[in-house]
Amino acid sequence: MARKNISIPSVAEPADARVGSQCIKSGNLLFISGQIAYHNGELVGPGDPLEQCRQAFCNIEAFVTAAGGSMDDVVSLNIFLSDIRYRQAAIDARAEAFDEPGPSATVVGGVDFAFEDLLVEISAIADLS
């Protein structure tokens, strides 16, 4: 099955193509790699896990929209937190981003990110059928 890269101007693709892509469409499925709180190269919400979650969900929504879908098409999330105490912020941002019942979600705390100021990373899978 052919795969198609989906890109958006506000989220940079990895500098090294061997790393992969931010978003791949394969058939009716959309795989969005871990989104962090960057918008146009700037960190959103330094020190604020709720704002970082909100920005990650905005990035996810931009990819889903670019692929012709909506947030209602998102079926699964993986939410990674630098501190599990940020779980409530992730829950609150998720409730803002999705209508009930929303997608399934896995939440993992205690993650070491590549950059010290990152508190959250969220990946998603959407079904565009």
C-alpha atoms as a PDB file:
ATOM      1  CA  MET A   1       0.000   0.000   0.000  1.00  0.00           C
ATOM      2  CA  ALA A   2       1.337   3.427  -0.929  1.00  0.00           C
ATOM      3  CA  ARG A   3       2.300   5.756   1.876  1.00  0.00           C
ATOM      4  CA  LYS A   4       1.988   9.504   1.645  1.00  0.00           C
ATOM      5  CA  ASN A   5       3.804  12.078   3.738  1.00  0.00           C
ATOM      6  CA  ILE A   6       1.512  14.764   5.168  1.00  0.00           C
ATOM      7  CA  SER A   7       3.250  17.993   6.112  1.00  0.00           C
ATOM      8  CA  ILE A   8       2.096  21.325   7.510  1.00  0.00           C
ATOM      9  CA  PRO A   9       3.989  24.631   7.545  1.00  0.00           C
ATOM     10  CA  SER A  10       3.835  25.151  11.330  1.00  0.00           C
ATOM     11  CA  VAL A  11       5.573  21.836  12.202  1.00  0.00           C
ATOM     12  CA  ALA A  12       9.037  21.167  10.822  1.00  0.00           C
ATOM     13  CA  GLU A  13       9.919  17.807   9.348  1.00  0.00           C
ATOM     14  CA  PRO A  14      12.967  16.084  10.893  1.00  0.00           C
ATOM     15  CA  ALA A  15      16.241  17.419   9.512  1.00  0.00           C
ATOM     16  CA  ASP A  16      17.416  13.855   8.863  1.00  0.00           C
ATOM     17  CA  ALA A  17      15.016  11.980   6.575  1.00  0.00           C
ATOM     18  CA  ARG A  18      16.196   8.688   8.080  1.00  0.00           C
ATOM     19  CA  VAL A  19      14.345   9.661  11.266  1.00  0.00           C
ATOM     20  CA  GLY A  20      11.024   9.477   9.430  1.00  0.00           C
ATOM     21  CA  SER A  21       8.163  11.890   9.027  1.00  0.00           C
ATOM     22  CA  GLN A  22       5.863  13.815  11.335  1.00  0.00           C
ATOM     23  CA  CYS A  23       2.792  12.289   9.659  1.00  0.00           C
ATOM     24  CA  ILE A  24       2.203   9.383   7.275  1.00  0.00           C
ATOM     25  CA  LYS A  25      -1.040   8.357   5.598  1.00  0.00           C
ATOM     26  CA  SER A  26      -1.272   4.675   4.724  1.00  0.00           C
ATOM     27  CA  GLY A  27      -4.590   3.630   3.255  1.00  0.00           C
ATOM     28  CA  ASN A  28      -7.240   5.200   5.466  1.00  0.00           C
ATOM     29  CA  LEU A  29      -4.968   5.388   8.498  1.00  0.00           C
ATOM     30  CA  LEU A  30      -3.041   8.454   9.567  1.00  0.00           C
ATOM     31  CA  PHE A  31      -0.023   8.007  11.846  1.00  0.00           C
ATOM     32  CA  ILE A  32       1.049  11.209  13.591  1.00  0.00           C
ATOM     33  CA  SER A  33       4.370  11.003  15.380  1.00  0.00           C
ATOM     34  CA  GLY A  34       4.890  12.508  18.786  1.00  0.00           C
ATOM     35  CA  GLN A  35       3.900  16.149  18.775  1.00  0.00           C
ATOM     36  CA  ILE A  36       5.511  18.570  21.154  1.00  0.00           C
ATOM     37  CA  ALA A  37       4.603  22.127  22.088  1.00  0.00           C
ATOM     38  CA  TYR A  38       6.350  23.825  19.192  1.00  0.00           C
ATOM     39  CA  HIS A  39       4.585  26.135  16.764  1.00  0.00           C
ATOM     40  CA  ASN A  40       6.583  27.717  13.935  1.00  0.00           C
ATOM     41  CA  GLY A  41       9.803  26.757  15.701  1.00  0.00           C
ATOM     42  CA  GLU A  42       8.912  28.354  19.045  1.00  0.00           C
ATOM     43  CA  LEU A  43       8.151  26.556  22.309  1.00  0.00           C
ATOM     44  CA  VAL A  44       4.609  27.236  23.518  1.00  0.00           C
ATOM     45  CA  GLY A  45       3.937  27.197  27.269  1.00  0.00           C
ATOM     46  CA  PRO A  46       7.382  26.900  28.862  1.00  0.00           C
ATOM     47  CA  GLY A  47       6.884  25.306  32.281  1.00  0.00           C
ATOM     48  CA  ASP A  48       3.133  24.878  31.697  1.00  0.00           C
ATOM     49  CA  PRO A  49       2.027  21.285  31.001  1.00  0.00           C
ATOM     50  CA  LEU A  50      -1.562  22.292  30.149  1.00  0.00           C
ATOM     51  CA  GLU A  51      -0.446  24.774  27.474  1.00  0.00           C
ATOM     52  CA  GLN A  52       2.049  22.275  26.101  1.00  0.00           C
ATOM     53  CA  CYS A  53      -0.683  19.621  25.838  1.00  0.00           C
ATOM     54  CA  ARG A  54      -2.984  22.111  24.133  1.00  0.00           C
ATOM     55  CA  GLN A  55      -0.308  22.952  21.553  1.00  0.00           C
ATOM     56  CA  ALA A  56       0.457  19.287  20.906  1.00  0.00           C
ATOM     57  CA  PHE A  57      -3.262  18.702  20.259  1.00  0.00           C
ATOM     58  CA  CYS A  58      -3.344  21.758  17.956  1.00  0.00           C
ATOM     59  CA  ASN A  59      -0.486  20.240  15.964  1.00  0.00           C
ATOM     60  CA  ILE A  60      -2.315  16.916  15.780  1.00  0.00           C
ATOM     61  CA  GLU A  61      -5.478  18.668  14.608  1.00  0.00           C
ATOM     62  CA  ALA A  62      -3.520  20.502  11.898  1.00  0.00           C
ATOM     63  CA  PHE A  63      -2.161  17.218  10.545  1.00  0.00           C
ATOM     64  CA  VAL A  64      -5.559  15.512  10.634  1.00  0.00           C
ATOM     65  CA  THR A  65      -7.157  18.485   8.869  1.00  0.00           C
ATOM     66  CA  ALA A  66      -4.392  18.565   6.240  1.00  0.00           C
ATOM     67  CA  ALA A  67      -5.155  14.902   5.520  1.00  0.00           C
ATOM     68  CA  GLY A  68      -8.870  15.669   5.056  1.00  0.00           C
ATOM     69  CA  GLY A  69     -10.146  14.536   8.446  1.00  0.00           C
ATOM     70  CA  SER A  70     -11.204  15.949  11.783  1.00  0.00           C
ATOM     71  CA  MET A  71     -10.427  15.287  15.425  1.00  0.00           C
ATOM     72  CA  ASP A  72     -13.431  12.931  15.463  1.00  0.00           C
ATOM     73  CA  ASP A  73     -11.312  10.604  13.297  1.00  0.00           C
ATOM     74  CA  VAL A  74      -8.580  10.226  15.942  1.00  0.00           C
ATOM     75  CA  VAL A  75      -8.904   6.757  17.466  1.00  0.00           C
ATOM     76  CA  SER A  76      -5.777   6.386  19.604  1.00  0.00           C
ATOM     77  CA  LEU A  77      -3.325   8.548  21.564  1.00  0.00           C
ATOM     78  CA  ASN A  78      -0.013   7.949  23.306  1.00  0.00           C
ATOM     79  CA  ILE A  79       0.661  10.694  25.839  1.00  0.00           C
ATOM     80  CA  PHE A  80       4.162  10.960  27.278  1.00  0.00           C
ATOM     81  CA  LEU A  81       4.814  13.210  30.278  1.00  0.00           C
ATOM     82  CA  SER A  82       8.096  14.202  31.895  1.00  0.00           C
ATOM     83  CA  ASP A  83       6.286  13.965  35.254  1.00  0.00           C
ATOM     84  CA  ILE A  84       3.191  11.845  35.935  1.00  0.00           C
ATOM     85  CA  ARG A  85       1.877  14.715  38.065  1.00  0.00           C
ATOM     86  CA  TYR A  86       1.047  16.420  34.736  1.00  0.00           C
ATOM     87  CA  ARG A  87      -1.574  13.732  34.085  1.00  0.00           C
ATOM     88  CA  GLN A  88      -4.472  16.014  35.035  1.00  0.00           C
ATOM     89  CA  ALA A  89      -3.278  18.672  32.588  1.00  0.00           C
ATOM     90  CA  ALA A  90      -3.243  16.012  29.851  1.00  0.00           C
ATOM     91  CA  ILE A  91      -6.758  14.886  30.813  1.00  0.00           C
ATOM     92  CA  ASP A  92      -8.030  18.473  30.777  1.00  0.00           C
ATOM     93  CA  ALA A  93      -6.459  19.279  27.401  1.00  0.00           C
ATOM     94  CA  ARG A  94      -7.777  16.013  25.959  1.00  0.00           C
ATOM     95  CA  ALA A  95     -11.299  16.915  27.119  1.00  0.00           C
ATOM     96  CA  GLU A  96     -10.964  20.272  25.324  1.00  0.00           C
ATOM     97  CA  ALA A  97      -9.690  18.693  22.114  1.00  0.00           C
ATOM     98  CA  PHE A  98     -12.199  15.838  21.734  1.00  0.00           C
ATOM     99  CA  ASP A  99     -15.906  15.222  22.072  1.00  0.00           C
ATOM    100  CA  GLU A 100     -16.881  12.270  24.258  1.00  0.00           C
ATOM    101  CA  PRO A 101     -16.049   9.475  24.262  1.00  0.00           C
ATOM    102  CA  GLY A 102     -12.812  10.521  22.556  1.00  0.00           C
ATOM    103  CA  PRO A 103      -9.982   8.253  21.457  1.00  0.00           C
ATOM    104  CA  SER A 104      -8.335   5.565  23.521  1.00  0.00           C
ATOM    105  CA  ALA A 105      -5.256   6.816  25.322  1.00  0.00           C
ATOM    106  CA  THR A 106      -2.124   5.511  26.970  1.00  0.00           C
ATOM    107  CA  VAL A 107      -0.392   7.839  29.442  1.00  0.00           C
ATOM    108  CA  VAL A 108       3.243   7.335  30.421  1.00  0.00           C
ATOM    109  CA  GLY A 109       5.077   9.456  32.995  1.00  0.00           C
ATOM    110  CA  GLY A 110       8.726   9.941  33.868  1.00  0.00           C
ATOM    111  CA  VAL A 111       9.910  10.389  30.282  1.00  0.00           C
ATOM    112  CA  ASP A 112      13.227  12.088  29.481  1.00  0.00           C
ATOM    113  CA  PHE A 113      12.788  14.319  26.441  1.00  0.00           C
ATOM    114  CA  ALA A 114      15.464  15.566  24.054  1.00  0.00           C
ATOM    115  CA  PHE A 115      15.035  19.141  25.304  1.00  0.00           C
ATOM    116  CA  GLU A 116      14.821  20.103  28.958  1.00  0.00           C
ATOM    117  CA  ASP A 117      11.847  22.492  28.554  1.00  0.00           C
ATOM    118  CA  LEU A 118       9.596  19.833  27.001  1.00  0.00           C
ATOM    119  CA  LEU A 119       7.020  18.431  29.392  1.00  0.00           C
ATOM    120  CA  VAL A 120       4.698  16.589  26.982  1.00  0.00           C
ATOM    121  CA  GLU A 121       4.733  14.606  23.742  1.00  0.00           C
ATOM    122  CA  ILE A 122       1.579  13.173  22.139  1.00  0.00           C
ATOM    123  CA  SER A 123       1.291  10.796  19.178  1.00  0.00           C
ATOM    124  CA  ALA A 124      -1.964   9.853  17.462  1.00  0.00           C
ATOM    125  CA  ILE A 125      -3.573   7.479  15.007  1.00  0.00           C
ATOM    126  CA  ALA A 126      -6.611   8.544  13.003  1.00  0.00           C
ATOM    127  CA  ASP A 127      -8.945   6.468  10.845  1.00  0.00           C
ATOM    128  CA  LEU A 128     -10.062   8.581   7.867  1.00  0.00           C
ATOM    129  CA  SER A 129     -12.429   5.993   6.369  1.00  0.00           C
END
